[in-house]
PDB file of N, CA and C in Angstrom:
ATOM      1  N   MET A   1      49.121  -3.651 -78.266  1.00  0.00           N
ATOM      2  CA  MET A   1      49.183  -3.431 -79.699  1.00  0.00           C
ATOM      3  C   MET A   1      48.853  -1.983 -80.024  1.00  0.00           C
ATOM      4  N   SER A   2      49.412  -1.555 -81.096  1.00  0.00           N
ATOM      5  CA  SER A   2      49.110  -0.188 -81.500  1.00  0.00           C
ATOM      6  C   SER A   2      47.936  -0.187 -82.471  1.00  0.00           C
ATOM      7  N   ASP A   3      47.379   0.973 -82.713  1.00  0.00           N
ATOM      8  CA  ASP A   3      46.221   1.099 -83.587  1.00  0.00           C
ATOM      9  C   ASP A   3      46.555   0.831 -85.051  1.00  0.00           C
ATOM     10  N   THR A   4      47.786   0.932 -85.446  1.00  0.00           N
ATOM     11  CA  THR A   4      48.143   0.746 -86.846  1.00  0.00           C
ATOM     12  C   THR A   4      48.191  -0.725 -87.245  1.00  0.00           C
ATOM     13  N   HIS A   5      48.325  -1.645 -86.283  1.00  0.00           N
ATOM     14  CA  HIS A   5      48.427  -3.056 -86.603  1.00  0.00           C
ATOM     15  C   HIS A   5      47.136  -3.828 -86.345  1.00  0.00           C
ATOM     16  N   GLN A   6      46.060  -3.176 -86.020  1.00  0.00           N
ATOM     17  CA  GLN A   6      44.791  -3.859 -85.789  1.00  0.00           C
ATOM     18  C   GLN A   6      44.127  -4.191 -87.114  1.00  0.00           C
ATOM     19  N   ARG A   7      43.358  -5.256 -87.079  1.00  0.00           N
ATOM     20  CA  ARG A   7      42.612  -5.642 -88.275  1.00  0.00           C
ATOM     21  C   ARG A   7      41.393  -4.738 -88.447  1.00  0.00           C
ATOM     22  N   PRO A   8      40.990  -4.502 -89.680  1.00  0.00           N
ATOM     23  CA  PRO A   8      39.772  -3.699 -89.873  1.00  0.00           C
ATOM     24  C   PRO A   8      38.546  -4.512 -89.448  1.00  0.00           C
ATOM     25  N   LEU A   9      37.510  -3.821 -89.016  1.00  0.00           N
ATOM     26  CA  LEU A   9      36.288  -4.495 -88.574  1.00  0.00           C
ATOM     27  C   LEU A   9      35.510  -5.091 -89.745  1.00  0.00           C
ATOM     28  N   PHE A  10      35.584  -4.477 -90.897  1.00  0.00           N
ATOM     29  CA  PHE A  10      34.841  -4.935 -92.062  1.00  0.00           C
ATOM     30  C   PHE A  10      35.806  -5.265 -93.187  1.00  0.00           C
ATOM     31  N   CYS A  11      35.512  -6.300 -93.909  1.00  0.00           N
ATOM     32  CA  CYS A  11      36.337  -6.632 -95.067  1.00  0.00           C
ATOM     33  C   CYS A  11      35.506  -6.425 -96.332  1.00  0.00           C
ATOM     34  N   SER A  12      36.170  -6.082 -97.405  1.00  0.00           N
ATOM     35  CA  SER A  12      35.457  -5.848 -98.664  1.00  0.00           C
ATOM     36  C   SER A  12      35.102  -7.183 -99.306  1.00  0.00           C
ATOM     37  N   VAL A  13      33.921  -7.241 -99.883  1.00  0.00           N
ATOM     38  CA  VAL A  13      33.415  -8.454-100.505  1.00  0.00           C
ATOM     39  C   VAL A  13      33.064  -8.135-101.949  1.00  0.00           C
ATOM     40  N   ASN A  14      33.403  -9.048-102.838  1.00  0.00           N
ATOM     41  CA  ASN A  14      33.053  -8.892-104.241  1.00  0.00           C
ATOM     42  C   ASN A  14      31.547  -9.109-104.397  1.00  0.00           C
ATOM     43  N   GLN A  15      30.824  -8.098-104.828  1.00  0.00           N
ATOM     44  CA  GLN A  15      29.368  -8.181-104.918  1.00  0.00           C
ATOM     45  C   GLN A  15      28.884  -9.062-106.059  1.00  0.00           C
ATOM     46  N   SER A  16      29.747  -9.378-107.009  1.00  0.00           N
ATOM     47  CA  SER A  16      29.326 -10.205-108.128  1.00  0.00           C
ATOM     48  C   SER A  16      29.386 -11.701-107.810  1.00  0.00           C
ATOM     49  N   LEU A  17      29.892 -12.063-106.626  1.00  0.00           N
ATOM     50  CA  LEU A  17      29.930 -13.469-106.247  1.00  0.00           C
ATOM     51  C   LEU A  17      28.520 -13.993-106.040  1.00  0.00           C
ATOM     52  N   GLY A  18      28.189 -15.090-106.683  1.00  0.00           N
ATOM     53  CA  GLY A  18      26.874 -15.692-106.543  1.00  0.00           C
ATOM     54  C   GLY A  18      25.812 -15.063-107.411  1.00  0.00           C
ATOM     55  N   ALA A  19      26.117 -14.011-108.138  1.00  0.00           N
ATOM     56  CA  ALA A  19      25.133 -13.366-109.006  1.00  0.00           C
ATOM     57  C   ALA A  19      25.063 -14.097-110.338  1.00  0.00           C
ATOM     58  N   GLN A  20      23.889 -14.074-110.942  1.00  0.00           N
ATOM     59  CA  GLN A  20      23.703 -14.715-112.235  1.00  0.00           C
ATOM     60  C   GLN A  20      24.240 -13.802-113.335  1.00  0.00           C
ATOM     61  N   PRO A  21      25.042 -14.327-114.277  1.00  0.00           N
ATOM     62  CA  PRO A  21      25.569 -13.479-115.340  1.00  0.00           C
ATOM     63  C   PRO A  21      24.456 -13.006-116.263  1.00  0.00           C
ATOM     64  N   SER A  22      24.610 -11.792-116.783  1.00  0.00           N
ATOM     65  CA  SER A  22      23.589 -11.243-117.664  1.00  0.00           C
ATOM     66  C   SER A  22      24.236 -10.283-118.653  1.00  0.00           C
ATOM     67  N   LEU A  23      23.534 -10.053-119.728  1.00  0.00           N
ATOM     68  CA  LEU A  23      23.907  -9.037-120.710  1.00  0.00           C
ATOM     69  C   LEU A  23      22.867  -7.934-120.616  1.00  0.00           C
ATOM     70  N   GLY A  24      23.140  -6.958-119.799  1.00  0.00           N
ATOM     71  CA  GLY A  24      22.154  -5.911-119.544  1.00  0.00           C
ATOM     72  C   GLY A  24      21.000  -6.495-118.748  1.00  0.00           C
ATOM     73  N   PRO A  25      19.762  -6.286-119.186  1.00  0.00           N
ATOM     74  CA  PRO A  25      18.621  -6.829-118.451  1.00  0.00           C
ATOM     75  C   PRO A  25      18.313  -8.290-118.787  1.00  0.00           C
ATOM     76  N   ILE A  26      19.018  -8.864-119.763  1.00  0.00           N
ATOM     77  CA  ILE A  26      18.714 -10.218-120.230  1.00  0.00           C
ATOM     78  C   ILE A  26      19.634 -11.220-119.541  1.00  0.00           C
ATOM     79  N   PRO A  27      19.085 -12.157-118.761  1.00  0.00           N
ATOM     80  CA  PRO A  27      19.936 -13.196-118.168  1.00  0.00           C
ATOM     81  C   PRO A  27      20.501 -14.109-119.252  1.00  0.00           C
ATOM     82  N   THR A  28      21.727 -14.569-119.074  1.00  0.00           N
ATOM     83  CA  THR A  28      22.362 -15.384-120.105  1.00  0.00           C
ATOM     84  C   THR A  28      21.711 -16.755-120.244  1.00  0.00           C
ATOM     85  N   SER A  29      20.991 -17.201-119.236  1.00  0.00           N
ATOM     86  CA  SER A  29      20.304 -18.490-119.360  1.00  0.00           C
ATOM     87  C   SER A  29      19.130 -18.414-120.335  1.00  0.00           C
ATOM     88  N   LEU A  30      18.702 -17.205-120.687  1.00  0.00           N
ATOM     89  CA  LEU A  30      17.592 -17.041-121.624  1.00  0.00           C
ATOM     90  C   LEU A  30      18.058 -16.666-123.030  1.00  0.00           C
ATOM     91  N   LEU A  31      19.363 -16.580-123.252  1.00  0.00           N
ATOM     92  CA  LEU A  31      19.848 -16.194-124.581  1.00  0.00           C
ATOM     93  C   LEU A  31      19.623 -17.288-125.616  1.00  0.00           C
ATOM     94  N   PHE A  32      19.955 -18.534-125.300  1.00  0.00           N
ATOM     95  CA  PHE A  32      19.777 -19.612-126.273  1.00  0.00           C
ATOM     96  C   PHE A  32      18.304 -19.837-126.618  1.00  0.00           C
ATOM     97  N   PRO A  33      17.391 -19.910-125.632  1.00  0.00           N
ATOM     98  CA  PRO A  33      15.976 -20.037-126.011  1.00  0.00           C
ATOM     99  C   PRO A  33      15.475 -18.857-126.833  1.00  0.00           C
ATOM    100  N   SER A  34      15.970 -17.652-126.538  1.00  0.00           N
ATOM    101  CA  SER A  34      15.558 -16.487-127.323  1.00  0.00           C
ATOM    102  C   SER A  34      16.071 -16.588-128.751  1.00  0.00           C
ATOM    103  N   LEU A  35      17.277 -17.093-128.918  1.00  0.00           N
ATOM    104  CA  LEU A  35      17.826 -17.280-130.265  1.00  0.00           C
ATOM    105  C   LEU A  35      17.008 -18.308-131.041  1.00  0.00           C
ATOM    106  N   VAL A  36      16.612 -19.388-130.381  1.00  0.00           N
ATOM    107  CA  VAL A  36      15.772 -20.406-131.030  1.00  0.00           C
ATOM    108  C   VAL A  36      14.422 -19.806-131.416  1.00  0.00           C
ATOM    109  N   ILE A  37      13.859 -18.962-130.573  1.00  0.00           N
ATOM    110  CA  ILE A  37      12.575 -18.317-130.869  1.00  0.00           C
ATOM    111  C   ILE A  37      12.722 -17.378-132.056  1.00  0.00           C
ATOM    112  N   VAL A  38      13.817 -16.624-132.124  1.00  0.00           N
ATOM    113  CA  VAL A  38      14.028 -15.703-133.248  1.00  0.00           C
ATOM    114  C   VAL A  38      14.143 -16.475-134.556  1.00  0.00           C
ATOM    115  N   VAL A  39      14.922 -17.537-134.570  1.00  0.00           N
ATOM    116  CA  VAL A  39      15.085 -18.328-135.797  1.00  0.00           C
ATOM    117  C   VAL A  39      13.766 -18.995-136.181  1.00  0.00           C
ATOM    118  N   GLY A  40      13.057 -19.545-135.206  1.00  0.00           N
ATOM    119  CA  GLY A  40      11.772 -20.185-135.491  1.00  0.00           C
ATOM    120  C   GLY A  40      10.727 -19.209-135.991  1.00  0.00           C
ATOM    121  N   SER A  41      10.678 -18.036-135.398  1.00  0.00           N
ATOM    122  CA  SER A  41       9.689 -17.058-135.855  1.00  0.00           C
ATOM    123  C   SER A  41      10.048 -16.508-137.231  1.00  0.00           C
ATOM    124  N   TYR A  42      11.345 -16.416-137.530  1.00  0.00           N
ATOM    125  CA  TYR A  42      11.734 -16.001-138.879  1.00  0.00           C
ATOM    126  C   TYR A  42      11.285 -17.039-139.908  1.00  0.00           C
ATOM    127  N   CYS A  43      11.533 -18.299-139.606  1.00  0.00           N
ATOM    128  CA  CYS A  43      11.119 -19.356-140.535  1.00  0.00           C
ATOM    129  C   CYS A  43       9.605 -19.366-140.710  1.00  0.00           C
ATOM    130  N   LEU A  44       8.894 -19.139-139.622  1.00  0.00           N
ATOM    131  CA  LEU A  44       7.434 -19.186-139.671  1.00  0.00           C
ATOM    132  C   LEU A  44       6.849 -17.981-140.398  1.00  0.00           C
ATOM    133  N   THR A  45       7.285 -16.771-140.034  1.00  0.00           N
ATOM    134  CA  THR A  45       6.664 -15.571-140.607  1.00  0.00           C
ATOM    135  C   THR A  45       7.215 -15.199-141.977  1.00  0.00           C
ATOM    136  N   GLN A  46       8.501 -15.403-142.211  1.00  0.00           N
ATOM    137  CA  GLN A  46       9.086 -14.973-143.476  1.00  0.00           C
ATOM    138  C   GLN A  46       9.070 -16.064-144.541  1.00  0.00           C
ATOM    139  N   LEU A  47       9.478 -17.251-144.173  1.00  0.00           N
ATOM    140  CA  LEU A  47       9.622 -18.310-145.177  1.00  0.00           C
ATOM    141  C   LEU A  47       8.308 -19.040-145.444  1.00  0.00           C
ATOM    142  N   LEU A  48       7.550 -19.312-144.399  1.00  0.00           N
ATOM    143  CA  LEU A  48       6.337 -20.099-144.572  1.00  0.00           C
ATOM    144  C   LEU A  48       5.139 -19.249-144.976  1.00  0.00           C
ATOM    145  N   PHE A  49       4.877 -18.177-144.210  1.00  0.00           N
ATOM    146  CA  PHE A  49       3.684 -17.364-144.469  1.00  0.00           C
ATOM    147  C   PHE A  49       3.963 -16.078-145.230  1.00  0.00           C
ATOM    148  N   GLN A  50       5.203 -15.650-145.333  1.00  0.00           N
ATOM    149  CA  GLN A  50       5.618 -14.436-146.041  1.00  0.00           C
ATOM    150  C   GLN A  50       4.791 -13.225-145.602  1.00  0.00           C
ATOM    151  N   LEU A  51       4.814 -12.956-144.291  1.00  0.00           N
ATOM    152  CA  LEU A  51       3.985 -11.890-143.723  1.00  0.00           C
ATOM    153  C   LEU A  51       4.678 -10.538-143.692  1.00  0.00           C
ATOM    154  N   GLY A  52       5.982 -10.476-143.715  1.00  0.00           N
ATOM    155  CA  GLY A  52       6.684  -9.198-143.682  1.00  0.00           C
ATOM    156  C   GLY A  52       7.468  -9.020-142.396  1.00  0.00           C
ATOM    157  N   PHE A  53       8.259  -7.933-142.388  1.00  0.00           N
ATOM    158  CA  PHE A  53       9.166  -7.699-141.275  1.00  0.00           C
ATOM    159  C   PHE A  53       8.434  -7.292-140.000  1.00  0.00           C
ATOM    160  N   ALA A  54       7.383  -6.508-140.109  1.00  0.00           N
ATOM    161  CA  ALA A  54       6.639  -6.065-138.920  1.00  0.00           C
ATOM    162  C   ALA A  54       6.015  -7.258-138.197  1.00  0.00           C
ATOM    163  N   ALA A  55       5.463  -8.187-138.943  1.00  0.00           N
ATOM    164  CA  ALA A  55       4.888  -9.384-138.332  1.00  0.00           C
ATOM    165  C   ALA A  55       5.975 -10.223-137.674  1.00  0.00           C
ATOM    166  N   PHE A  56       7.142 -10.272-138.299  1.00  0.00           N
ATOM    167  CA  PHE A  56       8.270 -11.007-137.711  1.00  0.00           C
ATOM    168  C   PHE A  56       8.683 -10.403-136.378  1.00  0.00           C
ATOM    169  N   VAL A  57       8.815  -9.086-136.316  1.00  0.00           N
ATOM    170  CA  VAL A  57       9.225  -8.412-135.085  1.00  0.00           C
ATOM    171  C   VAL A  57       8.175  -8.597-133.997  1.00  0.00           C
ATOM    172  N   LEU A  58       6.897  -8.413-134.336  1.00  0.00           N
ATOM    173  CA  LEU A  58       5.822  -8.561-133.345  1.00  0.00           C
ATOM    174  C   LEU A  58       5.726  -9.998-132.834  1.00  0.00           C
ATOM    175  N   PHE A  59       5.804 -10.964-133.736  1.00  0.00           N
ATOM    176  CA  PHE A  59       5.713 -12.370-133.327  1.00  0.00           C
ATOM    177  C   PHE A  59       6.909 -12.779-132.474  1.00  0.00           C
ATOM    178  N   THR A  60       8.103 -12.300-132.845  1.00  0.00           N
ATOM    179  CA  THR A  60       9.304 -12.601-132.065  1.00  0.00           C
ATOM    180  C   THR A  60       9.217 -11.998-130.675  1.00  0.00           C
ATOM    181  N   ALA A  61       8.791 -10.744-130.582  1.00  0.00           N
ATOM    182  CA  ALA A  61       8.656 -10.097-129.272  1.00  0.00           C
ATOM    183  C   ALA A  61       7.612 -10.804-128.424  1.00  0.00           C
ATOM    184  N   TRP A  62       6.507 -11.188-129.030  1.00  0.00           N
ATOM    185  CA  TRP A  62       5.438 -11.875-128.298  1.00  0.00           C
ATOM    186  C   TRP A  62       5.929 -13.222-127.753  1.00  0.00           C
ATOM    187  N   MET A  63       6.561 -14.013-128.598  1.00  0.00           N
ATOM    188  CA  MET A  63       7.016 -15.334-128.166  1.00  0.00           C
ATOM    189  C   MET A  63       8.157 -15.241-127.142  1.00  0.00           C
ATOM    190  N   THR A  64       9.069 -14.305-127.321  1.00  0.00           N
ATOM    191  CA  THR A  64      10.169 -14.145-126.374  1.00  0.00           C
ATOM    192  C   THR A  64       9.665 -13.683-125.014  1.00  0.00           C
ATOM    193  N   CYS A  65       8.773 -12.718-124.998  1.00  0.00           N
ATOM    194  CA  CYS A  65       8.205 -12.247-123.726  1.00  0.00           C
ATOM    195  C   CYS A  65       7.396 -13.343-123.048  1.00  0.00           C
ATOM    196  N   THR A  66       6.664 -14.135-123.817  1.00  0.00           N
ATOM    197  CA  THR A  66       5.911 -15.247-123.242  1.00  0.00           C
ATOM    198  C   THR A  66       6.849 -16.264-122.609  1.00  0.00           C
ATOM    199  N   TRP A  67       7.947 -16.583-123.294  1.00  0.00           N
ATOM    200  CA  TRP A  67       8.917 -17.534-122.740  1.00  0.00           C
ATOM    201  C   TRP A  67       9.533 -16.992-121.453  1.00  0.00           C
ATOM    202  N   TRP A  68       9.886 -15.711-121.434  1.00  0.00           N
ATOM    203  CA  TRP A  68      10.493 -15.116-120.249  1.00  0.00           C
ATOM    204  C   TRP A  68       9.524 -15.095-119.076  1.00  0.00           C
ATOM    205  N   VAL A  69       8.246 -14.837-119.339  1.00  0.00           N
ATOM    206  CA  VAL A  69       7.250 -14.812-118.259  1.00  0.00           C
ATOM    207  C   VAL A  69       7.008 -16.217-117.718  1.00  0.00           C
ATOM    208  N   VAL A  70       6.917 -17.201-118.603  1.00  0.00           N
ATOM    209  CA  VAL A  70       6.642 -18.573-118.169  1.00  0.00           C
ATOM    210  C   VAL A  70       7.838 -19.163-117.434  1.00  0.00           C
ATOM    211  N   VAL A  71       9.029 -18.960-117.942  1.00  0.00           N
ATOM    212  CA  VAL A  71      10.223 -19.604-117.396  1.00  0.00           C
ATOM    213  C   VAL A  71      10.848 -18.784-116.280  1.00  0.00           C
ATOM    214  N   GLY A  72      11.011 -17.505-116.460  1.00  0.00           N
ATOM    215  CA  GLY A  72      11.674 -16.671-115.463  1.00  0.00           C
ATOM    216  C   GLY A  72      13.171 -16.867-115.467  1.00  0.00           C
ATOM    217  N   ASP A  73      13.803 -16.637-114.332  1.00  0.00           N
ATOM    218  CA  ASP A  73      15.260 -16.747-114.244  1.00  0.00           C
ATOM    219  C   ASP A  73      15.732 -18.177-114.100  1.00  0.00           C
ATOM    220  N   LYS A  74      14.888 -19.056-113.626  1.00  0.00           N
ATOM    221  CA  LYS A  74      15.287 -20.442-113.385  1.00  0.00           C
ATOM    222  C   LYS A  74      14.685 -21.335-114.477  1.00  0.00           C
ATOM    223  N   THR A  75      15.369 -21.375-115.615  1.00  0.00           N
ATOM    224  CA  THR A  75      14.878 -22.107-116.773  1.00  0.00           C
ATOM    225  C   THR A  75      14.680 -23.582-116.471  1.00  0.00           C
ATOM    226  N   TRP A  76      15.561 -24.172-115.702  1.00  0.00           N
ATOM    227  CA  TRP A  76      15.533 -25.607-115.434  1.00  0.00           C
ATOM    228  C   TRP A  76      14.274 -26.032-114.701  1.00  0.00           C
ATOM    229  N   GLN A  77      13.647 -25.142-113.918  1.00  0.00           N
ATOM    230  CA  GLN A  77      12.443 -25.535-113.186  1.00  0.00           C
ATOM    231  C   GLN A  77      11.283 -25.810-114.137  1.00  0.00           C
ATOM    232  N   PHE A  78      11.252 -25.137-115.273  1.00  0.00           N
ATOM    233  CA  PHE A  78      10.182 -25.359-116.246  1.00  0.00           C
ATOM    234  C   PHE A  78      10.537 -26.461-117.227  1.00  0.00           C
ATOM    235  N   THR A  79      11.748 -26.438-117.758  1.00  0.00           N
ATOM    236  CA  THR A  79      12.102 -27.396-118.805  1.00  0.00           C
ATOM    237  C   THR A  79      12.278 -28.816-118.271  1.00  0.00           C
ATOM    238  N   ASN A  80      12.607 -28.989-117.001  1.00  0.00           N
ATOM    239  CA  ASN A  80      12.735 -30.338-116.455  1.00  0.00           C
ATOM    240  C   ASN A  80      11.391 -31.041-116.334  1.00  0.00           C
ATOM    241  N   LYS A  81      10.309 -30.294-116.346  1.00  0.00           N
ATOM    242  CA  LYS A  81       8.978 -30.908-116.302  1.00  0.00           C
ATOM    243  C   LYS A  81       8.577 -31.495-117.654  1.00  0.00           C
ATOM    244  N   LEU A  82       9.282 -31.141-118.716  1.00  0.00           N
ATOM    245  CA  LEU A  82       8.952 -31.609-120.058  1.00  0.00           C
ATOM    246  C   LEU A  82       9.620 -32.935-120.403  1.00  0.00           C
ATOM    247  N   VAL A  83      10.490 -33.444-119.544  1.00  0.00           N
ATOM    248  CA  VAL A  83      11.191 -34.700-119.803  1.00  0.00           C
ATOM    249  C   VAL A  83      10.235 -35.850-119.508  1.00  0.00           C
ATOM    250  N   PRO A  84      10.005 -36.740-120.477  1.00  0.00           N
ATOM    251  CA  PRO A  84       9.078 -37.855-120.231  1.00  0.00           C
ATOM    252  C   PRO A  84       9.660 -38.866-119.249  1.00  0.00           C
ATOM    253  N   VAL A  85       8.793 -39.403-118.442  1.00  0.00           N
ATOM    254  CA  VAL A  85       9.184 -40.432-117.481  1.00  0.00           C
ATOM    255  C   VAL A  85       9.143 -41.774-118.204  1.00  0.00           C
ATOM    256  N   PRO A  86      10.145 -42.615-118.032  1.00  0.00           N
ATOM    257  CA  PRO A  86      10.131 -43.907-118.719  1.00  0.00           C
ATOM    258  C   PRO A  86       8.954 -44.757-118.246  1.00  0.00           C
ATOM    259  N   SER A  87       8.340 -45.456-119.198  1.00  0.00           N
ATOM    260  CA  SER A  87       7.151 -46.246-118.870  1.00  0.00           C
ATOM    261  C   SER A  87       7.487 -47.714-118.594  1.00  0.00           C
ATOM    262  N   TRP A  88       8.727 -48.116-118.763  1.00  0.00           N
ATOM    263  CA  TRP A  88       9.088 -49.500-118.528  1.00  0.00           C
ATOM    264  C   TRP A  88       9.546 -49.666-117.087  1.00  0.00           C
ATOM    265  N   SER A  89       9.412 -50.877-116.614  1.00  0.00           N
ATOM    266  CA  SER A  89       9.889 -51.178-115.261  1.00  0.00           C
ATOM    267  C   SER A  89      10.616 -52.515-115.290  1.00  0.00           C
ATOM    268  N   ARG A  90      11.403 -52.729-114.301  1.00  0.00           N
ATOM    269  CA  ARG A  90      12.180 -53.952-114.238  1.00  0.00           C
ATOM    270  C   ARG A  90      11.336 -55.051-113.604  1.00  0.00           C
ATOM    271  N   GLY A  91      11.301 -56.178-114.235  1.00  0.00           N
ATOM    272  CA  GLY A  91      10.523 -57.285-113.694  1.00  0.00           C
ATOM    273  C   GLY A  91      10.955 -58.602-114.311  1.00  0.00           C
ATOM    274  N   HIS A  92      10.348 -59.658-113.869  1.00  0.00           N
ATOM    275  CA  HIS A  92      10.682 -60.984-114.369  1.00  0.00           C
ATOM    276  C   HIS A  92       9.459 -61.576-115.065  1.00  0.00           C
ATOM    277  N   VAL A  93       9.703 -62.144-116.227  1.00  0.00           N
ATOM    278  CA  VAL A  93       8.639 -62.771-117.007  1.00  0.00           C
ATOM    279  C   VAL A  93       8.986 -64.249-117.141  1.00  0.00           C
ATOM    280  N   ARG A  94       8.004 -65.083-116.938  1.00  0.00           N
ATOM    281  CA  ARG A  94       8.228 -66.519-117.067  1.00  0.00           C
ATOM    282  C   ARG A  94       8.483 -66.862-118.532  1.00  0.00           C
ATOM    283  N   TYR A  95       9.494 -67.663-118.765  1.00  0.00           N
ATOM    284  CA  TYR A  95       9.844 -68.051-120.127  1.00  0.00           C
ATOM    285  C   TYR A  95       8.838 -69.072-120.643  1.00  0.00           C
ATOM    286  N   GLN A  96       8.264 -68.752-121.809  1.00  0.00           N
ATOM    287  CA  GLN A  96       7.344 -69.682-122.466  1.00  0.00           C
ATOM    288  C   GLN A  96       7.857 -69.912-123.885  1.00  0.00           C
ATOM    289  N   PRO A  97       8.309 -71.083-124.178  1.00  0.00           N
ATOM    290  CA  PRO A  97       8.833 -71.344-125.534  1.00  0.00           C
ATOM    291  C   PRO A  97       7.696 -71.311-126.555  1.00  0.00           C
ATOM    292  N   TYR A  98       7.976 -70.793-127.755  1.00  0.00           N
ATOM    293  CA  TYR A  98       6.983 -70.732-128.809  1.00  0.00           C
ATOM    294  C   TYR A  98       6.783 -72.086-129.479  1.00  0.00           C
ATOM    295  N   LEU A  99       7.836 -72.855-129.564  1.00  0.00           N
ATOM    296  CA  LEU A  99       7.738 -74.177-130.174  1.00  0.00           C
ATOM    297  C   LEU A  99       7.678 -75.222-129.073  1.00  0.00           C
ATOM    298  N   THR A 100       6.515 -75.723-128.832  1.00  0.00           N
ATOM    299  CA  THR A 100       6.357 -76.736-127.783  1.00  0.00           C
ATOM    300  C   THR A 100       6.079 -78.092-128.344  1.00  0.00           C
TER     301      THR A 100
END
């Protein structure tokens, strides 16, 4: 074989394969919780307590940063712990008529 028909030793790989999508430094899995925090903090600081815009910005930043620190990139690992376990179990109960 000639050198022109040999395969290359290395092939190019798309580096974005397997990467988590993001908008700049913010992972997209944290966008919806951040939006909920922004709306909730607006309702709390502006509508309920009427504290002003600075309090709204500080409270929103505090709550969003707290959520990001607690949850991290894998949101499901934290939120799946909040699902209640059912307290009922399958079993058999002896039938007792009320009118005997």
